[in-house]
């Protein structure tokens, strides 16, 4: 079980979740320990710049959509790393609020 498994399970049942991610990969957008609110994506139109809770190559991330190509989304962090391409069914939630 990875760090976000519990949150993904709740998102999959339609619940909104809040948590404090740790790390510096999203520095400038989300600082380590800030409280984030993540909602299920539902029918929302996802676009470049959205922060999403997703799984790429077996790893869970709260990272950015860096590019969109049809039904594919390129995921990466805010300091230059690209995680890879995924489809919508690997995106579980969208970040809607960031607070201290």
PDB file of N, CA and C in Angstrom:
ATOM      1  N   UNK A   1       0.850  -1.178   0.000  1.00  0.00           N
ATOM      2  CA  UNK A   1       0.000   0.000   0.000  1.00  0.00           C
ATOM      3  C   UNK A   1       0.896   1.242   0.000  1.00  0.00           C
ATOM      4  N   UNK A   2       0.636   2.147  -0.917  1.00  0.00           N
ATOM      5  CA  UNK A   2       1.426   3.370  -1.029  1.00  0.00           C
ATOM      6  C   UNK A   2       0.766   4.513  -0.259  1.00  0.00           C
ATOM      7  N   UNK A   3       1.439   5.643  -0.228  1.00  0.00           N
ATOM      8  CA  UNK A   3       0.998   6.766   0.599  1.00  0.00           C
ATOM      9  C   UNK A   3      -0.409   7.252   0.298  1.00  0.00           C
ATOM     10  N   UNK A   4      -0.859   7.144  -0.947  1.00  0.00           N
ATOM     11  CA  UNK A   4      -2.155   7.731  -1.323  1.00  0.00           C
ATOM     12  C   UNK A   4      -3.278   6.710  -1.473  1.00  0.00           C
ATOM     13  N   UNK A   5      -3.012   5.443  -1.232  1.00  0.00           N
ATOM     14  CA  UNK A   5      -4.014   4.399  -1.459  1.00  0.00           C
ATOM     15  C   UNK A   5      -5.322   4.703  -0.729  1.00  0.00           C
ATOM     16  N   UNK A   6      -5.230   5.083   0.527  1.00  0.00           N
ATOM     17  CA  UNK A   6      -6.420   5.383   1.335  1.00  0.00           C
ATOM     18  C   UNK A   6      -7.224   6.535   0.723  1.00  0.00           C
ATOM     19  N   UNK A   7      -6.529   7.569   0.264  1.00  0.00           N
ATOM     20  CA  UNK A   7      -7.217   8.725  -0.334  1.00  0.00           C
ATOM     21  C   UNK A   7      -7.861   8.343  -1.663  1.00  0.00           C
ATOM     22  N   UNK A   8      -7.171   7.528  -2.454  1.00  0.00           N
ATOM     23  CA  UNK A   8      -7.718   7.076  -3.738  1.00  0.00           C
ATOM     24  C   UNK A   8      -8.993   6.271  -3.521  1.00  0.00           C
ATOM     25  N   UNK A   9      -8.994   5.401  -2.507  1.00  0.00           N
ATOM     26  CA  UNK A   9     -10.193   4.607  -2.206  1.00  0.00           C
ATOM     27  C   UNK A   9     -11.371   5.515  -1.891  1.00  0.00           C
ATOM     28  N   UNK A  10     -11.131   6.557  -1.096  1.00  0.00           N
ATOM     29  CA  UNK A  10     -12.209   7.493  -0.748  1.00  0.00           C
ATOM     30  C   UNK A  10     -12.675   8.275  -1.983  1.00  0.00           C
ATOM     31  N   UNK A  11     -11.733   8.743  -2.806  1.00  0.00           N
ATOM     32  CA  UNK A  11     -12.092   9.466  -4.033  1.00  0.00           C
ATOM     33  C   UNK A  11     -12.939   8.586  -4.951  1.00  0.00           C
ATOM     34  N   UNK A  12     -12.598   7.307  -5.030  1.00  0.00           N
ATOM     35  CA  UNK A  12     -13.339   6.379  -5.894  1.00  0.00           C
ATOM     36  C   UNK A  12     -14.774   6.166  -5.424  1.00  0.00           C
ATOM     37  N   UNK A  13     -15.068   6.488  -4.152  1.00  0.00           N
ATOM     38  CA  UNK A  13     -16.443   6.373  -3.652  1.00  0.00           C
ATOM     39  C   UNK A  13     -17.150   7.727  -3.679  1.00  0.00           C
ATOM     40  N   UNK A  14     -16.489   8.752  -4.257  1.00  0.00           N
ATOM     41  CA  UNK A  14     -17.113  10.052  -4.397  1.00  0.00           C
ATOM     42  C   UNK A  14     -16.808  11.037  -3.281  1.00  0.00           C
ATOM     43  N   UNK A  15     -15.947  10.654  -2.349  1.00  0.00           N
ATOM     44  CA  UNK A  15     -15.610  11.543  -1.233  1.00  0.00           C
ATOM     45  C   UNK A  15     -14.507  12.527  -1.613  1.00  0.00           C
ATOM     46  N   UNK A  16     -14.560  13.709  -1.014  1.00  0.00           N
ATOM     47  CA  UNK A  16     -13.478  14.683  -1.099  1.00  0.00           C
ATOM     48  C   UNK A  16     -12.521  14.394   0.051  1.00  0.00           C
ATOM     49  N   UNK A  17     -11.222  14.509  -0.195  1.00  0.00           N
ATOM     50  CA  UNK A  17     -10.227  14.212   0.839  1.00  0.00           C
ATOM     51  C   UNK A  17      -9.334  15.429   1.070  1.00  0.00           C
ATOM     52  N   UNK A  18      -8.730  15.460   2.257  1.00  0.00           N
ATOM     53  CA  UNK A  18      -7.729  16.472   2.594  1.00  0.00           C
ATOM     54  C   UNK A  18      -6.533  15.776   3.212  1.00  0.00           C
ATOM     55  N   UNK A  19      -5.345  16.245   2.869  1.00  0.00           N
ATOM     56  CA  UNK A  19      -4.130  15.687   3.454  1.00  0.00           C
ATOM     57  C   UNK A  19      -2.994  16.681   3.280  1.00  0.00           C
ATOM     58  N   UNK A  20      -1.871  16.385   3.923  1.00  0.00           N
ATOM     59  CA  UNK A  20      -0.691  17.250   3.885  1.00  0.00           C
ATOM     60  C   UNK A  20       0.466  16.482   3.241  1.00  0.00           C
ATOM     61  N   UNK A  21       0.627  16.622   1.924  1.00  0.00           N
ATOM     62  CA  UNK A  21       1.721  15.898   1.259  1.00  0.00           C
ATOM     63  C   UNK A  21       3.080  16.439   1.701  1.00  0.00           C
ATOM     64  N   UNK A  22       4.059  15.553   1.719  1.00  0.00           N
ATOM     65  CA  UNK A  22       5.429  15.906   2.094  1.00  0.00           C
ATOM     66  C   UNK A  22       6.337  15.777   0.884  1.00  0.00           C
ATOM     67  N   UNK A  23       7.332  16.639   0.817  1.00  0.00           N
ATOM     68  CA  UNK A  23       8.296  16.595  -0.274  1.00  0.00           C
ATOM     69  C   UNK A  23       8.375  17.930  -0.980  1.00  0.00           C
ATOM     70  N   UNK A  24       9.328  18.039  -1.887  1.00  0.00           N
ATOM     71  CA  UNK A  24       9.583  19.309  -2.557  1.00  0.00           C
ATOM     72  C   UNK A  24       9.338  19.289  -4.063  1.00  0.00           C
ATOM     73  N   UNK A  25       8.760  18.207  -4.581  1.00  0.00           N
ATOM     74  CA  UNK A  25       8.596  18.092  -6.031  1.00  0.00           C
ATOM     75  C   UNK A  25       7.594  19.087  -6.607  1.00  0.00           C
ATOM     76  N   UNK A  26       6.728  19.631  -5.751  1.00  0.00           N
ATOM     77  CA  UNK A  26       5.732  20.597  -6.231  1.00  0.00           C
ATOM     78  C   UNK A  26       6.010  22.000  -5.682  1.00  0.00           C
ATOM     79  N   UNK A  27       7.239  22.212  -5.209  1.00  0.00           N
ATOM     80  CA  UNK A  27       7.646  23.501  -4.648  1.00  0.00           C
ATOM     81  C   UNK A  27       7.263  24.637  -5.597  1.00  0.00           C
ATOM     82  N   UNK A  28       6.668  25.688  -5.024  1.00  0.00           N
ATOM     83  CA  UNK A  28       6.179  26.799  -5.824  1.00  0.00           C
ATOM     84  C   UNK A  28       4.678  26.722  -6.069  1.00  0.00           C
ATOM     85  N   UNK A  29       4.125  25.530  -6.032  1.00  0.00           N
ATOM     86  CA  UNK A  29       2.670  25.328  -6.149  1.00  0.00           C
ATOM     87  C   UNK A  29       2.115  24.794  -4.831  1.00  0.00           C
ATOM     88  N   UNK A  30       2.765  23.735  -4.312  1.00  0.00           N
ATOM     89  CA  UNK A  30       2.399  23.145  -3.023  1.00  0.00           C
ATOM     90  C   UNK A  30       3.693  22.985  -2.233  1.00  0.00           C
ATOM     91  N   UNK A  31       3.753  23.627  -1.073  1.00  0.00           N
ATOM     92  CA  UNK A  31       4.921  23.477  -0.214  1.00  0.00           C
ATOM     93  C   UNK A  31       4.716  22.257   0.682  1.00  0.00           C
ATOM     94  N   UNK A  32       5.796  21.604   1.059  1.00  0.00           N
ATOM     95  CA  UNK A  32       5.729  20.421   1.903  1.00  0.00           C
ATOM     96  C   UNK A  32       4.928  20.709   3.175  1.00  0.00           C
ATOM     97  N   UNK A  33       3.903  19.907   3.413  1.00  0.00           N
ATOM     98  CA  UNK A  33       3.098  20.028   4.620  1.00  0.00           C
ATOM     99  C   UNK A  33       1.872  20.912   4.505  1.00  0.00           C
ATOM    100  N   UNK A  34       1.691  21.586   3.373  1.00  0.00           N
ATOM    101  CA  UNK A  34       0.474  22.387   3.208  1.00  0.00           C
ATOM    102  C   UNK A  34      -0.738  21.463   3.086  1.00  0.00           C
ATOM    103  N   UNK A  35      -1.882  21.936   3.567  1.00  0.00           N
ATOM    104  CA  UNK A  35      -3.117  21.174   3.486  1.00  0.00           C
ATOM    105  C   UNK A  35      -3.721  21.320   2.094  1.00  0.00           C
ATOM    106  N   UNK A  36      -3.958  20.179   1.434  1.00  0.00           N
ATOM    107  CA  UNK A  36      -4.587  20.193   0.114  1.00  0.00           C
ATOM    108  C   UNK A  36      -5.959  19.537   0.195  1.00  0.00           C
ATOM    109  N   UNK A  37      -6.870  20.038  -0.623  1.00  0.00           N
ATOM    110  CA  UNK A  37      -8.186  19.431  -0.783  1.00  0.00           C
ATOM    111  C   UNK A  37      -8.223  18.838  -2.187  1.00  0.00           C
ATOM    112  N   UNK A  38      -8.597  17.565  -2.273  1.00  0.00           N
ATOM    113  CA  UNK A  38      -8.662  16.868  -3.555  1.00  0.00           C
ATOM    114  C   UNK A  38     -10.062  16.295  -3.715  1.00  0.00           C
ATOM    115  N   UNK A  39     -10.694  16.626  -4.831  1.00  0.00           N
ATOM    116  CA  UNK A  39     -12.049  16.167  -5.130  1.00  0.00           C
ATOM    117  C   UNK A  39     -12.017  15.122  -6.240  1.00  0.00           C
ATOM    118  N   UNK A  40     -13.014  14.221  -6.266  1.00  0.00           N
ATOM    119  CA  UNK A  40     -13.106  13.278  -7.393  1.00  0.00           C
ATOM    120  C   UNK A  40     -13.205  14.050  -8.704  1.00  0.00           C
ATOM    121  N   UNK A  41     -12.655  13.495  -9.782  1.00  0.00           N
ATOM    122  CA  UNK A  41     -12.668  14.236 -11.049  1.00  0.00           C
ATOM    123  C   UNK A  41     -14.045  14.223 -11.703  1.00  0.00           C
ATOM    124  N   UNK A  42     -14.848  13.225 -11.431  1.00  0.00           N
ATOM    125  CA  UNK A  42     -16.190  13.184 -12.023  1.00  0.00           C
ATOM    126  C   UNK A  42     -16.128  13.416 -13.515  1.00  0.00           C
ATOM    127  N   UNK A  43     -16.906  14.359 -13.995  1.00  0.00           N
ATOM    128  CA  UNK A  43     -16.933  14.694 -15.423  1.00  0.00           C
ATOM    129  C   UNK A  43     -16.131  15.944 -15.739  1.00  0.00           C
ATOM    130  N   UNK A  44     -15.321  16.407 -14.773  1.00  0.00           N
ATOM    131  CA  UNK A  44     -14.547  17.629 -14.990  1.00  0.00           C
ATOM    132  C   UNK A  44     -13.639  17.495 -16.209  1.00  0.00           C
ATOM    133  N   UNK A  45     -13.509  18.580 -16.934  1.00  0.00           N
ATOM    134  CA  UNK A  45     -12.581  18.626 -18.071  1.00  0.00           C
ATOM    135  C   UNK A  45     -11.193  18.891 -17.502  1.00  0.00           C
ATOM    136  N   UNK A  46     -10.289  17.974 -17.708  1.00  0.00           N
ATOM    137  CA  UNK A  46      -8.924  18.114 -17.205  1.00  0.00           C
ATOM    138  C   UNK A  46      -8.087  18.863 -18.223  1.00  0.00           C
ATOM    139  N   UNK A  47      -7.204  19.743 -17.735  1.00  0.00           N
ATOM    140  CA  UNK A  47      -6.390  20.531 -18.644  1.00  0.00           C
ATOM    141  C   UNK A  47      -4.995  20.750 -18.096  1.00  0.00           C
ATOM    142  N   UNK A  48      -4.134  21.188 -18.971  1.00  0.00           N
ATOM    143  CA  UNK A  48      -2.753  21.494 -18.612  1.00  0.00           C
ATOM    144  C   UNK A  48      -2.753  22.465 -17.432  1.00  0.00           C
ATOM    145  N   UNK A  49      -1.926  22.170 -16.433  1.00  0.00           N
ATOM    146  CA  UNK A  49      -1.838  23.013 -15.255  1.00  0.00           C
ATOM    147  C   UNK A  49      -2.630  22.511 -14.068  1.00  0.00           C
ATOM    148  N   UNK A  50      -3.586  21.595 -14.291  1.00  0.00           N
ATOM    149  CA  UNK A  50      -4.330  21.016 -13.175  1.00  0.00           C
ATOM    150  C   UNK A  50      -3.390  20.163 -12.322  1.00  0.00           C
ATOM    151  N   UNK A  51      -3.601  20.196 -11.012  1.00  0.00           N
ATOM    152  CA  UNK A  51      -2.870  19.330 -10.091  1.00  0.00           C
ATOM    153  C   UNK A  51      -3.782  18.145  -9.799  1.00  0.00           C
ATOM    154  N   UNK A  52      -3.291  16.944 -10.066  1.00  0.00           N
ATOM    155  CA  UNK A  52      -4.124  15.749  -9.930  1.00  0.00           C
ATOM    156  C   UNK A  52      -3.444  14.688  -9.076  1.00  0.00           C
ATOM    157  N   UNK A  53      -4.276  13.895  -8.398  1.00  0.00           N
ATOM    158  CA  UNK A  53      -3.800  12.704  -7.696  1.00  0.00           C
ATOM    159  C   UNK A  53      -3.934  11.559  -8.677  1.00  0.00           C
ATOM    160  N   UNK A  54      -2.819  10.926  -9.003  1.00  0.00           N
ATOM    161  CA  UNK A  54      -2.822   9.942 -10.080  1.00  0.00           C
ATOM    162  C   UNK A  54      -1.800   8.845  -9.816  1.00  0.00           C
ATOM    163  N   UNK A  55      -1.797   7.870 -10.710  1.00  0.00           N
ATOM    164  CA  UNK A  55      -0.813   6.798 -10.664  1.00  0.00           C
ATOM    165  C   UNK A  55      -0.134   6.716 -12.027  1.00  0.00           C
ATOM    166  N   UNK A  56       1.211   6.768 -12.017  1.00  0.00           N
ATOM    167  CA  UNK A  56       2.007   6.673 -13.235  1.00  0.00           C
ATOM    168  C   UNK A  56       3.043   5.574 -13.025  1.00  0.00           C
ATOM    169  N   UNK A  57       3.026   4.584 -13.903  1.00  0.00           N
ATOM    170  CA  UNK A  57       3.978   3.461 -13.816  1.00  0.00           C
ATOM    171  C   UNK A  57       4.051   2.866 -12.414  1.00  0.00           C
ATOM    172  N   UNK A  58       2.873   2.715 -11.773  1.00  0.00           N
ATOM    173  CA  UNK A  58       2.788   2.074 -10.469  1.00  0.00           C
ATOM    174  C   UNK A  58       3.045   2.982  -9.273  1.00  0.00           C
ATOM    175  N   UNK A  59       3.452   4.225  -9.494  1.00  0.00           N
ATOM    176  CA  UNK A  59       3.700   5.153  -8.397  1.00  0.00           C
ATOM    177  C   UNK A  59       2.591   6.194  -8.312  1.00  0.00           C
ATOM    178  N   UNK A  60       2.256   6.587  -7.085  1.00  0.00           N
ATOM    179  CA  UNK A  60       1.205   7.568  -6.851  1.00  0.00           C
ATOM    180  C   UNK A  60       1.819   8.956  -6.703  1.00  0.00           C
ATOM    181  N   UNK A  61       1.171   9.937  -7.327  1.00  0.00           N
ATOM    182  CA  UNK A  61       1.681  11.304  -7.311  1.00  0.00           C
ATOM    183  C   UNK A  61       0.547  12.298  -7.147  1.00  0.00           C
ATOM    184  N   UNK A  62       0.846  13.429  -6.517  1.00  0.00           N
ATOM    185  CA  UNK A  62       0.017  14.614  -6.583  1.00  0.00           C
ATOM    186  C   UNK A  62       0.839  15.599  -7.401  1.00  0.00           C
ATOM    187  N   UNK A  63       0.659  15.526  -8.718  1.00  0.00           N
ATOM    188  CA  UNK A  63       1.501  16.279  -9.647  1.00  0.00           C
ATOM    189  C   UNK A  63       0.656  17.000 -10.684  1.00  0.00           C
ATOM    190  N   UNK A  64       1.331  17.701 -11.560  1.00  0.00           N
ATOM    191  CA  UNK A  64       0.696  18.527 -12.580  1.00  0.00           C
ATOM    192  C   UNK A  64       0.411  17.773 -13.872  1.00  0.00           C
ATOM    193  N   UNK A  65      -0.664  18.180 -14.537  1.00  0.00           N
ATOM    194  CA  UNK A  65      -0.846  17.790 -15.930  1.00  0.00           C
ATOM    195  C   UNK A  65       0.003  18.766 -16.731  1.00  0.00           C
ATOM    196  N   UNK A  66       1.034  18.240 -17.402  1.00  0.00           N
ATOM    197  CA  UNK A  66       1.969  19.081 -18.153  1.00  0.00           C
ATOM    198  C   UNK A  66       1.556  19.258 -19.609  1.00  0.00           C
ATOM    199  N   UNK A  67       0.827  18.277 -20.136  1.00  0.00           N
ATOM    200  CA  UNK A  67       0.380  18.336 -21.531  1.00  0.00           C
ATOM    201  C   UNK A  67      -0.814  17.404 -21.702  1.00  0.00           C
ATOM    202  N   UNK A  68      -1.630  17.699 -22.705  1.00  0.00           N
ATOM    203  CA  UNK A  68      -2.786  16.860 -23.037  1.00  0.00           C
ATOM    204  C   UNK A  68      -2.700  16.533 -24.513  1.00  0.00           C
ATOM    205  N   UNK A  69      -2.860  15.246 -24.822  1.00  0.00           N
ATOM    206  CA  UNK A  69      -2.875  14.767 -26.213  1.00  0.00           C
ATOM    207  C   UNK A  69      -4.089  13.877 -26.363  1.00  0.00           C
ATOM    208  N   UNK A  70      -5.177  14.427 -26.829  1.00  0.00           N
ATOM    209  CA  UNK A  70      -6.406  13.644 -26.946  1.00  0.00           C
ATOM    210  C   UNK A  70      -6.863  13.158 -25.581  1.00  0.00           C
ATOM    211  N   UNK A  71      -6.865  11.842 -25.390  1.00  0.00           N
ATOM    212  CA  UNK A  71      -7.289  11.235 -24.131  1.00  0.00           C
ATOM    213  C   UNK A  71      -6.110  10.871 -23.236  1.00  0.00           C
ATOM    214  N   UNK A  72      -4.932  11.385 -23.561  1.00  0.00           N
ATOM    215  CA  UNK A  72      -3.732  11.090 -22.769  1.00  0.00           C
ATOM    216  C   UNK A  72      -3.249  12.355 -22.069  1.00  0.00           C
ATOM    217  N   UNK A  73      -2.702  12.147 -20.871  1.00  0.00           N
ATOM    218  CA  UNK A  73      -2.244  13.253 -20.041  1.00  0.00           C
ATOM    219  C   UNK A  73      -0.796  12.999 -19.623  1.00  0.00           C
ATOM    220  N   UNK A  74       0.053  13.996 -19.836  1.00  0.00           N
ATOM    221  CA  UNK A  74       1.442  13.890 -19.398  1.00  0.00           C
ATOM    222  C   UNK A  74       1.528  14.464 -17.984  1.00  0.00           C
ATOM    223  N   UNK A  75       2.101  13.686 -17.075  1.00  0.00           N
ATOM    224  CA  UNK A  75       2.190  14.060 -15.668  1.00  0.00           C
ATOM    225  C   UNK A  75       3.640  14.394 -15.324  1.00  0.00           C
ATOM    226  N   UNK A  76       3.812  15.455 -14.547  1.00  0.00           N
ATOM    227  CA  UNK A  76       5.145  15.835 -14.091  1.00  0.00           C
ATOM    228  C   UNK A  76       5.048  16.691 -12.844  1.00  0.00           C
ATOM    229  N   UNK A  77       6.208  16.948 -12.237  1.00  0.00           N
ATOM    230  CA  UNK A  77       6.206  17.777 -11.031  1.00  0.00           C
ATOM    231  C   UNK A  77       6.441  19.238 -11.395  1.00  0.00           C
ATOM    232  N   UNK A  78       6.648  20.078 -10.393  1.00  0.00           N
ATOM    233  CA  UNK A  78       6.808  21.505 -10.653  1.00  0.00           C
ATOM    234  C   UNK A  78       8.272  21.934 -10.712  1.00  0.00           C
ATOM    235  N   UNK A  79       9.190  20.957 -10.711  1.00  0.00           N
ATOM    236  CA  UNK A  79      10.617  21.306 -10.773  1.00  0.00           C
ATOM    237  C   UNK A  79      11.306  20.639 -11.961  1.00  0.00           C
ATOM    238  N   UNK A  80      10.507  20.299 -12.986  1.00  0.00           N
ATOM    239  CA  UNK A  80      11.102  19.860 -14.239  1.00  0.00           C
ATOM    240  C   UNK A  80      11.075  18.385 -14.570  1.00  0.00           C
ATOM    241  N   UNK A  81      10.657  17.520 -13.640  1.00  0.00           N
ATOM    242  CA  UNK A  81      10.639  16.081 -13.929  1.00  0.00           C
ATOM    243  C   UNK A  81       9.314  15.679 -14.565  1.00  0.00           C
ATOM    244  N   UNK A  82       9.393  14.827 -15.580  1.00  0.00           N
ATOM    245  CA  UNK A  82       8.207  14.250 -16.227  1.00  0.00           C
ATOM    246  C   UNK A  82       8.075  12.809 -15.747  1.00  0.00           C
ATOM    247  N   UNK A  83       6.878  12.450 -15.260  1.00  0.00           N
ATOM    248  CA  UNK A  83       6.631  11.088 -14.780  1.00  0.00           C
ATOM    249  C   UNK A  83       6.207  10.157 -15.908  1.00  0.00           C
ATOM    250  N   UNK A  84       5.422  10.675 -16.867  1.00  0.00           N
ATOM    251  CA  UNK A  84       4.982   9.842 -17.980  1.00  0.00           C
ATOM    252  C   UNK A  84       3.568  10.186 -18.419  1.00  0.00           C
ATOM    253  N   UNK A  85       3.083   9.405 -19.374  1.00  0.00           N
ATOM    254  CA  UNK A  85       1.744   9.595 -19.940  1.00  0.00           C
ATOM    255  C   UNK A  85       0.774   8.597 -19.343  1.00  0.00           C
ATOM    256  N   UNK A  86      -0.453   9.060 -19.047  1.00  0.00           N
ATOM    257  CA  UNK A  86      -1.504   8.188 -18.523  1.00  0.00           C
ATOM    258  C   UNK A  86      -2.828   8.551 -19.185  1.00  0.00           C
ATOM    259  N   UNK A  87      -3.829   7.715 -18.949  1.00  0.00           N
ATOM    260  CA  UNK A  87      -5.180   8.026 -19.397  1.00  0.00           C
ATOM    261  C   UNK A  87      -6.008   8.455 -18.190  1.00  0.00           C
ATOM    262  N   UNK A  88      -7.194   8.927 -18.451  1.00  0.00           N
ATOM    263  CA  UNK A  88      -8.078   9.451 -17.404  1.00  0.00           C
ATOM    264  C   UNK A  88      -8.342   8.432 -16.291  1.00  0.00           C
ATOM    265  N   UNK A  89      -8.388   7.148 -16.624  1.00  0.00           N
ATOM    266  CA  UNK A  89      -8.696   6.163 -15.578  1.00  0.00           C
ATOM    267  C   UNK A  89      -7.550   5.961 -14.590  1.00  0.00           C
ATOM    268  N   UNK A  90      -6.412   6.620 -14.787  1.00  0.00           N
ATOM    269  CA  UNK A  90      -5.320   6.601 -13.809  1.00  0.00           C
ATOM    270  C   UNK A  90      -5.269   7.910 -13.010  1.00  0.00           C
ATOM    271  N   UNK A  91      -6.273   8.763 -13.200  1.00  0.00           N
ATOM    272  CA  UNK A  91      -6.381  10.017 -12.456  1.00  0.00           C
ATOM    273  C   UNK A  91      -7.579   9.885 -11.523  1.00  0.00           C
ATOM    274  N   UNK A  92      -7.339  10.074 -10.227  1.00  0.00           N
ATOM    275  CA  UNK A  92      -8.368   9.807  -9.215  1.00  0.00           C
ATOM    276  C   UNK A  92      -9.001  11.061  -8.640  1.00  0.00           C
ATOM    277  N   UNK A  93      -8.263  12.166  -8.636  1.00  0.00           N
ATOM    278  CA  UNK A  93      -8.805  13.379  -8.057  1.00  0.00           C
ATOM    279  C   UNK A  93      -8.069  14.602  -8.561  1.00  0.00           C
ATOM    280  N   UNK A  94      -8.703  15.760  -8.350  1.00  0.00           N
ATOM    281  CA  UNK A  94      -8.124  17.035  -8.758  1.00  0.00           C
ATOM    282  C   UNK A  94      -8.025  17.927  -7.527  1.00  0.00           C
ATOM    283  N   UNK A  95      -6.889  18.586  -7.391  1.00  0.00           N
ATOM    284  CA  UNK A  95      -6.664  19.480  -6.253  1.00  0.00           C
ATOM    285  C   UNK A  95      -7.462  20.760  -6.468  1.00  0.00           C
ATOM    286  N   UNK A  96      -8.299  21.096  -5.478  1.00  0.00           N
ATOM    287  CA  UNK A  96      -9.165  22.275  -5.603  1.00  0.00           C
ATOM    288  C   UNK A  96      -8.816  23.370  -4.603  1.00  0.00           C
ATOM    289  N   UNK A  97      -7.964  23.058  -3.605  1.00  0.00           N
ATOM    290  CA  UNK A  97      -7.602  24.074  -2.618  1.00  0.00           C
ATOM    291  C   UNK A  97      -6.283  23.710  -1.950  1.00  0.00           C
ATOM    292  N   UNK A  98      -5.491  24.731  -1.670  1.00  0.00           N
ATOM    293  CA  UNK A  98      -4.202  24.568  -0.983  1.00  0.00           C
ATOM    294  C   UNK A  98      -4.146  25.645   0.100  1.00  0.00           C
ATOM    295  N   UNK A  99      -3.951  25.232   1.355  1.00  0.00           N
ATOM    296  CA  UNK A  99      -3.864  26.180   2.465  1.00  0.00           C
ATOM    297  C   UNK A  99      -2.737  25.780   3.406  1.00  0.00           C
ATOM    298  N   UNK A 100      -2.395  26.682   4.297  1.00  0.00           N
ATOM    299  CA  UNK A 100      -1.374  26.369   5.299  1.00  0.00           C
ATOM    300  C   UNK A 100      -1.993  25.560   6.408  1.00  0.00           C
TER     301      UNK A 100
END
